[in-house]
Amino acid sequence: MNRFEQAVYDCMKPTAKLLEKTTNPLHRAILLNFWRHVHLEGAGDYEKIVAPDMMVDHPVYRVTWGANPAVIEGKEGVLAFYKSVGEAVLWHSDDRLSVEDWGVCDEITFHQLAVGADLKLIGYQVDRADRLYHIYSRQAFIWPYDERARLVGEHLYEDKTSLRIEEVDRSEAITPARVRAIHREQLAKLQAERGPNFWLLGKT
C-alpha cells in the first residue's frame, strides 16, 4: 500500500475520534452525516448525498479553489459540481475538527492527485499538461447543518499562501477507481458497525 492509498484509508480517523467523545445527539448526527457524506462523495454516489435525509432542499456551496471562486446553489448545481471534478483523486489530512449546533468546521490539508490539464482548467499553474501532480494546501471547510442534522451547504476557503505542487511518478499514483473502492469499503464497514440509517437524528 503506497502513501496515497494509506492517506485515503486514514482520512476519517479524526471524525471517528471526535465522535467517540461527543454525547450531544444533534452533534453526533451531524458528524455521522459528515462521515457518510465524505465516503459517498469518494465513492461517486452523489445522488445519495443530495437525498432529503442528507441535505436540505436548497443547498448553497461557496468554493474558492484555484483562480475561479464560485457560488453553487440547488441540488442540480451541487450534482454538476461533484461530477465536474472528473478523475481527480481527492483526500484530506491534518484535521482540526469541531462540531456545534450550527454544523462542522474543519481546518484541513486538502490534497488532489490530477493531471496537469485538469489542474489548469481550475486555474492552478503547472508546467506540463500531461504530467501527474500532487497539489495540496490548507483549507477551511465550514459545513452548516439544519436542526435535523442535514447539510445546508459547504463553504470551502483555500489558504493560497500554503499551496504546494509536486510532480508524482505515475507508478506511485493511486487510481480514481481504487479510491472509489476504498470509500465503498469504508462505508460498508461504517454501516455494518452502526446499522441502517445511522446518520439520522434519533438513530445515533
C-alpha atoms as a PDB file:
ATOM      1  CA  MET A   1       0.000   0.000   0.000  1.00  0.00           C
ATOM      2  CA  ASN A   2       1.580   3.305  -1.047  1.00  0.00           C
ATOM      3  CA  ARG A   3       1.408   6.610   0.837  1.00  0.00           C
ATOM      4  CA  PHE A   4      -1.558   7.935  -1.118  1.00  0.00           C
ATOM      5  CA  GLU A   5      -3.667   4.824  -0.644  1.00  0.00           C
ATOM      6  CA  GLN A   6      -2.943   4.836   3.105  1.00  0.00           C
ATOM      7  CA  ALA A   7      -3.917   8.501   3.312  1.00  0.00           C
ATOM      8  CA  VAL A   8      -7.333   7.804   1.767  1.00  0.00           C
ATOM      9  CA  TYR A   9      -7.911   4.988   4.275  1.00  0.00           C
ATOM     10  CA  ASP A  10      -6.968   7.286   7.174  1.00  0.00           C
ATOM     11  CA  CYS A  11      -8.854  10.453   6.209  1.00  0.00           C
ATOM     12  CA  MET A  12     -11.884   9.946   8.513  1.00  0.00           C
ATOM     13  CA  LYS A  13      -9.995   8.895  11.643  1.00  0.00           C
ATOM     14  CA  PRO A  14     -10.253  12.397  13.198  1.00  0.00           C
ATOM     15  CA  THR A  15     -14.037  12.285  12.716  1.00  0.00           C
ATOM     16  CA  ALA A  16     -14.224   8.904  14.433  1.00  0.00           C
ATOM     17  CA  LYS A  17     -12.093  10.201  17.290  1.00  0.00           C
ATOM     18  CA  LEU A  18     -14.291  13.267  17.807  1.00  0.00           C
ATOM     19  CA  LEU A  19     -17.463  11.178  17.644  1.00  0.00           C
ATOM     20  CA  GLU A  20     -16.179   8.938  20.449  1.00  0.00           C
ATOM     21  CA  LYS A  21     -16.189  11.847  22.902  1.00  0.00           C
ATOM     22  CA  THR A  22     -19.329  13.586  21.578  1.00  0.00           C
ATOM     23  CA  THR A  23     -22.553  12.996  23.530  1.00  0.00           C
ATOM     24  CA  ASN A  24     -24.941  15.643  22.171  1.00  0.00           C
ATOM     25  CA  PRO A  25     -27.387  13.796  19.846  1.00  0.00           C
ATOM     26  CA  LEU A  26     -27.528  16.592  17.266  1.00  0.00           C
ATOM     27  CA  HIS A  27     -23.736  16.873  17.168  1.00  0.00           C
ATOM     28  CA  ARG A  28     -23.384  13.097  16.774  1.00  0.00           C
ATOM     29  CA  ALA A  29     -25.880  13.069  13.909  1.00  0.00           C
ATOM     30  CA  ILE A  30     -24.028  15.926  12.195  1.00  0.00           C
ATOM     31  CA  LEU A  31     -20.701  14.097  12.477  1.00  0.00           C
ATOM     32  CA  LEU A  32     -22.198  10.875  11.151  1.00  0.00           C
ATOM     33  CA  ASN A  33     -23.776  12.728   8.219  1.00  0.00           C
ATOM     34  CA  PHE A  34     -20.386  14.331   7.536  1.00  0.00           C
ATOM     35  CA  TRP A  35     -18.624  10.944   7.769  1.00  0.00           C
ATOM     36  CA  ARG A  36     -21.107   9.259   5.428  1.00  0.00           C
ATOM     37  CA  HIS A  37     -21.011  12.205   3.024  1.00  0.00           C
ATOM     38  CA  VAL A  38     -17.234  12.001   2.587  1.00  0.00           C
ATOM     39  CA  HIS A  39     -17.390   8.283   1.761  1.00  0.00           C
ATOM     40  CA  LEU A  40     -20.348   8.737  -0.609  1.00  0.00           C
ATOM     41  CA  GLU A  41     -18.517  11.541  -2.378  1.00  0.00           C
ATOM     42  CA  GLY A  42     -15.338   9.489  -2.621  1.00  0.00           C
ATOM     43  CA  ALA A  43     -17.325   6.527  -3.951  1.00  0.00           C
ATOM     44  CA  GLY A  44     -19.059   8.657  -6.573  1.00  0.00           C
ATOM     45  CA  ASP A  45     -22.538   8.044  -5.106  1.00  0.00           C
ATOM     46  CA  TYR A  46     -23.581  11.665  -5.435  1.00  0.00           C
ATOM     47  CA  GLU A  47     -27.329  11.113  -5.626  1.00  0.00           C
ATOM     48  CA  LYS A  48     -27.323   9.754  -2.074  1.00  0.00           C
ATOM     49  CA  ILE A  49     -25.572  12.911  -0.839  1.00  0.00           C
ATOM     50  CA  VAL A  50     -28.403  15.149  -2.074  1.00  0.00           C
ATOM     51  CA  ALA A  51     -31.196  12.876  -0.794  1.00  0.00           C
ATOM     52  CA  PRO A  52     -33.738  14.585   1.526  1.00  0.00           C
ATOM     53  CA  ASP A  53     -32.417  12.728   4.587  1.00  0.00           C
ATOM     54  CA  MET A  54     -28.886  14.048   3.988  1.00  0.00           C
ATOM     55  CA  MET A  55     -29.326  17.561   2.572  1.00  0.00           C
ATOM     56  CA  VAL A  56     -31.776  20.466   2.696  1.00  0.00           C
ATOM     57  CA  ASP A  57     -33.897  21.324  -0.346  1.00  0.00           C
ATOM     58  CA  HIS A  58     -31.788  24.306  -1.449  1.00  0.00           C
ATOM     59  CA  PRO A  59     -28.105  23.891  -0.530  1.00  0.00           C
ATOM     60  CA  VAL A  60     -25.562  26.643  -1.166  1.00  0.00           C
ATOM     61  CA  TYR A  61     -21.890  25.869  -1.775  1.00  0.00           C
ATOM     62  CA  ARG A  62     -19.147  28.519  -1.730  1.00  0.00           C
ATOM     63  CA  VAL A  63     -15.922  27.228  -3.266  1.00  0.00           C
ATOM     64  CA  THR A  64     -12.630  29.140  -3.548  1.00  0.00           C
ATOM     65  CA  TRP A  65     -10.419  26.547  -5.223  1.00  0.00           C
ATOM     66  CA  GLY A  66      -7.993  27.689  -7.894  1.00  0.00           C
ATOM     67  CA  ALA A  67      -8.465  31.027  -9.628  1.00  0.00           C
ATOM     68  CA  ASN A  68     -12.231  30.958 -10.081  1.00  0.00           C
ATOM     69  CA  PRO A  69     -14.281  31.220  -6.872  1.00  0.00           C
ATOM     70  CA  ALA A  70     -17.870  30.068  -7.307  1.00  0.00           C
ATOM     71  CA  VAL A  71     -21.229  30.009  -5.578  1.00  0.00           C
ATOM     72  CA  ILE A  72     -23.279  26.898  -6.374  1.00  0.00           C
ATOM     73  CA  GLU A  73     -26.957  26.775  -5.498  1.00  0.00           C
ATOM     74  CA  GLY A  74     -29.525  23.974  -5.558  1.00  0.00           C
ATOM     75  CA  LYS A  75     -29.180  20.223  -5.763  1.00  0.00           C
ATOM     76  CA  GLU A  76     -28.757  20.143  -9.535  1.00  0.00           C
ATOM     77  CA  GLY A  77     -25.888  22.596  -9.223  1.00  0.00           C
ATOM     78  CA  VAL A  78     -24.323  20.533  -6.447  1.00  0.00           C
ATOM     79  CA  LEU A  79     -24.546  17.361  -8.534  1.00  0.00           C
ATOM     80  CA  ALA A  80     -22.963  19.143 -11.503  1.00  0.00           C
ATOM     81  CA  PHE A  81     -20.159  20.386  -9.231  1.00  0.00           C
ATOM     82  CA  TYR A  82     -19.353  16.869  -7.986  1.00  0.00           C
ATOM     83  CA  LYS A  83     -19.446  15.429 -11.494  1.00  0.00           C
ATOM     84  CA  SER A  84     -17.140  18.188 -12.770  1.00  0.00           C
ATOM     85  CA  VAL A  85     -14.310  17.005 -10.521  1.00  0.00           C
ATOM     86  CA  GLY A  86     -13.764  14.186 -13.013  1.00  0.00           C
ATOM     87  CA  GLU A  87     -10.961  11.702 -12.482  1.00  0.00           C
ATOM     88  CA  ALA A  88      -9.044  13.633  -9.822  1.00  0.00           C
ATOM     89  CA  VAL A  89      -8.093  11.775  -6.649  1.00  0.00           C
ATOM     90  CA  LEU A  90      -9.079  13.774  -3.554  1.00  0.00           C
ATOM     91  CA  TRP A  91      -8.486  13.331   0.169  1.00  0.00           C
ATOM     92  CA  HIS A  92      -7.744  15.363   3.274  1.00  0.00           C
ATOM     93  CA  SER A  93      -5.463  15.142   6.316  1.00  0.00           C
ATOM     94  CA  ASP A  94      -4.244  17.012   9.413  1.00  0.00           C
ATOM     95  CA  ASP A  95      -7.741  17.901  10.620  1.00  0.00           C
ATOM     96  CA  ARG A  96      -8.577  20.487  13.263  1.00  0.00           C
ATOM     97  CA  LEU A  97     -12.229  19.433  13.544  1.00  0.00           C
ATOM     98  CA  SER A  98     -15.054  20.747  15.688  1.00  0.00           C
ATOM     99  CA  VAL A  99     -18.832  20.397  15.765  1.00  0.00           C
ATOM    100  CA  GLU A 100     -21.527  22.717  17.093  1.00  0.00           C
ATOM    101  CA  ASP A 101     -25.293  23.124  16.805  1.00  0.00           C
ATOM    102  CA  TRP A 102     -24.852  25.048  13.544  1.00  0.00           C
ATOM    103  CA  GLY A 103     -22.579  22.470  11.898  1.00  0.00           C
ATOM    104  CA  VAL A 104     -18.972  21.408  11.340  1.00  0.00           C
ATOM    105  CA  CYS A 105     -15.737  23.358  10.975  1.00  0.00           C
ATOM    106  CA  ASP A 106     -12.633  21.516   9.833  1.00  0.00           C
ATOM    107  CA  GLU A 107      -9.277  23.096   9.020  1.00  0.00           C
ATOM    108  CA  ILE A 108      -7.521  20.535   6.874  1.00  0.00           C
ATOM    109  CA  THR A 109      -4.808  19.917   4.351  1.00  0.00           C
ATOM    110  CA  PHE A 110      -6.733  19.209   1.166  1.00  0.00           C
ATOM    111  CA  HIS A 111      -4.982  17.024  -1.405  1.00  0.00           C
ATOM    112  CA  GLN A 112      -5.503  16.298  -5.086  1.00  0.00           C
ATOM    113  CA  LEU A 113      -3.775  13.958  -7.492  1.00  0.00           C
ATOM    114  CA  ALA A 114      -4.589  15.091 -11.000  1.00  0.00           C
ATOM    115  CA  VAL A 115      -3.057  15.530 -14.424  1.00  0.00           C
ATOM    116  CA  GLY A 116      -1.821  18.970 -15.337  1.00  0.00           C
ATOM    117  CA  ALA A 117      -4.544  19.557 -17.928  1.00  0.00           C
ATOM    118  CA  ASP A 118      -7.279  19.162 -15.309  1.00  0.00           C
ATOM    119  CA  LEU A 119      -5.474  21.400 -12.837  1.00  0.00           C
ATOM    120  CA  LYS A 120      -5.056  24.123 -15.464  1.00  0.00           C
ATOM    121  CA  LEU A 121      -8.823  24.138 -16.037  1.00  0.00           C
ATOM    122  CA  ILE A 122      -9.432  25.286 -12.453  1.00  0.00           C
ATOM    123  CA  GLY A 123      -6.640  27.840 -12.510  1.00  0.00           C
ATOM    124  CA  TYR A 124      -3.621  26.101 -10.995  1.00  0.00           C
ATOM    125  CA  GLN A 125      -0.272  26.818 -12.645  1.00  0.00           C
ATOM    126  CA  VAL A 126       1.595  23.638 -13.579  1.00  0.00           C
ATOM    127  CA  ASP A 127       4.360  23.068 -16.094  1.00  0.00           C
ATOM    128  CA  ARG A 128       3.088  20.103 -18.097  1.00  0.00           C
ATOM    129  CA  ALA A 129      -0.469  19.216 -19.095  1.00  0.00           C
ATOM    130  CA  ASP A 130       0.399  15.518 -19.459  1.00  0.00           C
ATOM    131  CA  ARG A 131       2.167  15.030 -16.106  1.00  0.00           C
ATOM    132  CA  LEU A 132       0.645  13.890 -12.816  1.00  0.00           C
ATOM    133  CA  TYR A 133       0.756  16.258  -9.849  1.00  0.00           C
ATOM    134  CA  HIS A 134       0.081  16.155  -6.115  1.00  0.00           C
ATOM    135  CA  ILE A 135      -1.353  19.531  -5.155  1.00  0.00           C
ATOM    136  CA  TYR A 136      -2.207  20.425  -1.572  1.00  0.00           C
ATOM    137  CA  SER A 137      -2.997  23.409   0.643  1.00  0.00           C
ATOM    138  CA  ARG A 138      -4.519  24.286   3.995  1.00  0.00           C
ATOM    139  CA  GLN A 139      -8.241  24.914   3.711  1.00  0.00           C
ATOM    140  CA  ALA A 140     -11.147  25.742   5.982  1.00  0.00           C
ATOM    141  CA  PHE A 141     -14.196  23.555   5.427  1.00  0.00           C
ATOM    142  CA  ILE A 142     -17.250  25.101   7.064  1.00  0.00           C
ATOM    143  CA  TRP A 143     -20.373  22.995   6.630  1.00  0.00           C
ATOM    144  CA  PRO A 144     -23.621  24.399   8.088  1.00  0.00           C
ATOM    145  CA  TYR A 145     -26.351  21.923   9.077  1.00  0.00           C
ATOM    146  CA  ASP A 146     -30.021  22.343   9.984  1.00  0.00           C
ATOM    147  CA  GLU A 147     -31.852  21.263  13.142  1.00  0.00           C
ATOM    148  CA  ARG A 148     -32.409  17.815  11.599  1.00  0.00           C
ATOM    149  CA  ALA A 149     -28.658  17.324  11.040  1.00  0.00           C
ATOM    150  CA  ARG A 150     -28.995  17.771   7.278  1.00  0.00           C
ATOM    151  CA  LEU A 151     -26.329  19.551   5.249  1.00  0.00           C
ATOM    152  CA  VAL A 152     -27.169  23.163   4.343  1.00  0.00           C
ATOM    153  CA  GLY A 153     -24.062  23.787   2.246  1.00  0.00           C
ATOM    154  CA  GLU A 154     -20.296  23.778   2.056  1.00  0.00           C
ATOM    155  CA  HIS A 155     -18.048  26.812   2.418  1.00  0.00           C
ATOM    156  CA  LEU A 156     -14.545  25.901   1.245  1.00  0.00           C
ATOM    157  CA  TYR A 157     -11.821  28.513   1.748  1.00  0.00           C
ATOM    158  CA  GLU A 158      -8.296  27.886   0.484  1.00  0.00           C
ATOM    159  CA  ASP A 159      -5.213  29.439   2.083  1.00  0.00           C
ATOM    160  CA  LYS A 160      -3.355  30.150  -1.146  1.00  0.00           C
ATOM    161  CA  THR A 161      -0.154  31.030   0.738  1.00  0.00           C
ATOM    162  CA  SER A 162       0.119  27.356   1.768  1.00  0.00           C
ATOM    163  CA  LEU A 163      -0.292  25.918  -1.749  1.00  0.00           C
ATOM    164  CA  ARG A 164       2.260  23.289  -2.763  1.00  0.00           C
ATOM    165  CA  ILE A 165       2.541  21.395  -6.048  1.00  0.00           C
ATOM    166  CA  GLU A 166       4.790  18.402  -6.664  1.00  0.00           C
ATOM    167  CA  GLU A 167       5.127  16.170  -9.668  1.00  0.00           C
ATOM    168  CA  VAL A 168       4.431  12.492  -8.951  1.00  0.00           C
ATOM    169  CA  ASP A 169       5.659   9.462 -10.837  1.00  0.00           C
ATOM    170  CA  ARG A 170       2.671   7.640 -12.310  1.00  0.00           C
ATOM    171  CA  SER A 171       3.948   4.365 -10.853  1.00  0.00           C
ATOM    172  CA  GLU A 172       3.268   5.749  -7.367  1.00  0.00           C
ATOM    173  CA  ALA A 173      -0.194   7.073  -8.094  1.00  0.00           C
ATOM    174  CA  ILE A 174      -3.467   5.675  -6.825  1.00  0.00           C
ATOM    175  CA  THR A 175      -6.221   5.458  -9.422  1.00  0.00           C
ATOM    176  CA  PRO A 176      -9.679   7.043  -9.118  1.00  0.00           C
ATOM    177  CA  ALA A 177     -11.171   3.548  -9.339  1.00  0.00           C
ATOM    178  CA  ARG A 178      -9.127   2.414  -6.339  1.00  0.00           C
ATOM    179  CA  VAL A 179     -10.198   5.484  -4.348  1.00  0.00           C
ATOM    180  CA  ARG A 180     -13.854   4.718  -5.077  1.00  0.00           C
ATOM    181  CA  ALA A 181     -13.322   1.129  -3.949  1.00  0.00           C
ATOM    182  CA  ILE A 182     -11.712   2.244  -0.663  1.00  0.00           C
ATOM    183  CA  HIS A 183     -14.602   4.588   0.127  1.00  0.00           C
ATOM    184  CA  ARG A 184     -17.186   1.891  -0.655  1.00  0.00           C
ATOM    185  CA  GLU A 185     -15.304  -0.499   1.615  1.00  0.00           C
ATOM    186  CA  GLN A 186     -15.163   2.058   4.439  1.00  0.00           C
ATOM    187  CA  LEU A 187     -18.825   2.972   4.023  1.00  0.00           C
ATOM    188  CA  ALA A 188     -19.884  -0.677   4.198  1.00  0.00           C
ATOM    189  CA  LYS A 189     -17.822  -1.062   7.360  1.00  0.00           C
ATOM    190  CA  LEU A 190     -19.428   2.025   8.894  1.00  0.00           C
ATOM    191  CA  GLN A 191     -22.928   0.799   8.120  1.00  0.00           C
ATOM    192  CA  ALA A 192     -22.179  -2.711   9.446  1.00  0.00           C
ATOM    193  CA  GLU A 193     -20.955  -1.211  12.719  1.00  0.00           C
ATOM    194  CA  ARG A 194     -23.757   1.338  13.187  1.00  0.00           C
ATOM    195  CA  GLY A 195     -26.780  -0.144  11.441  1.00  0.00           C
ATOM    196  CA  PRO A 196     -29.196   1.207   8.825  1.00  0.00           C
ATOM    197  CA  ASN A 197     -29.957   4.933   8.806  1.00  0.00           C
ATOM    198  CA  PHE A 198     -27.135   5.501  11.308  1.00  0.00           C
ATOM    199  CA  TRP A 199     -26.763   9.140  10.201  1.00  0.00           C
ATOM    200  CA  LEU A 200     -30.330  10.190  11.052  1.00  0.00           C
ATOM    201  CA  LEU A 201     -31.010  12.264  14.140  1.00  0.00           C
ATOM    202  CA  GLY A 202     -32.639   9.944  16.664  1.00  0.00           C
ATOM    203  CA  LYS A 203     -30.776   6.904  15.292  1.00  0.00           C
ATOM    204  CA  THR A 204     -27.326   7.881  16.604  1.00  0.00           C
END
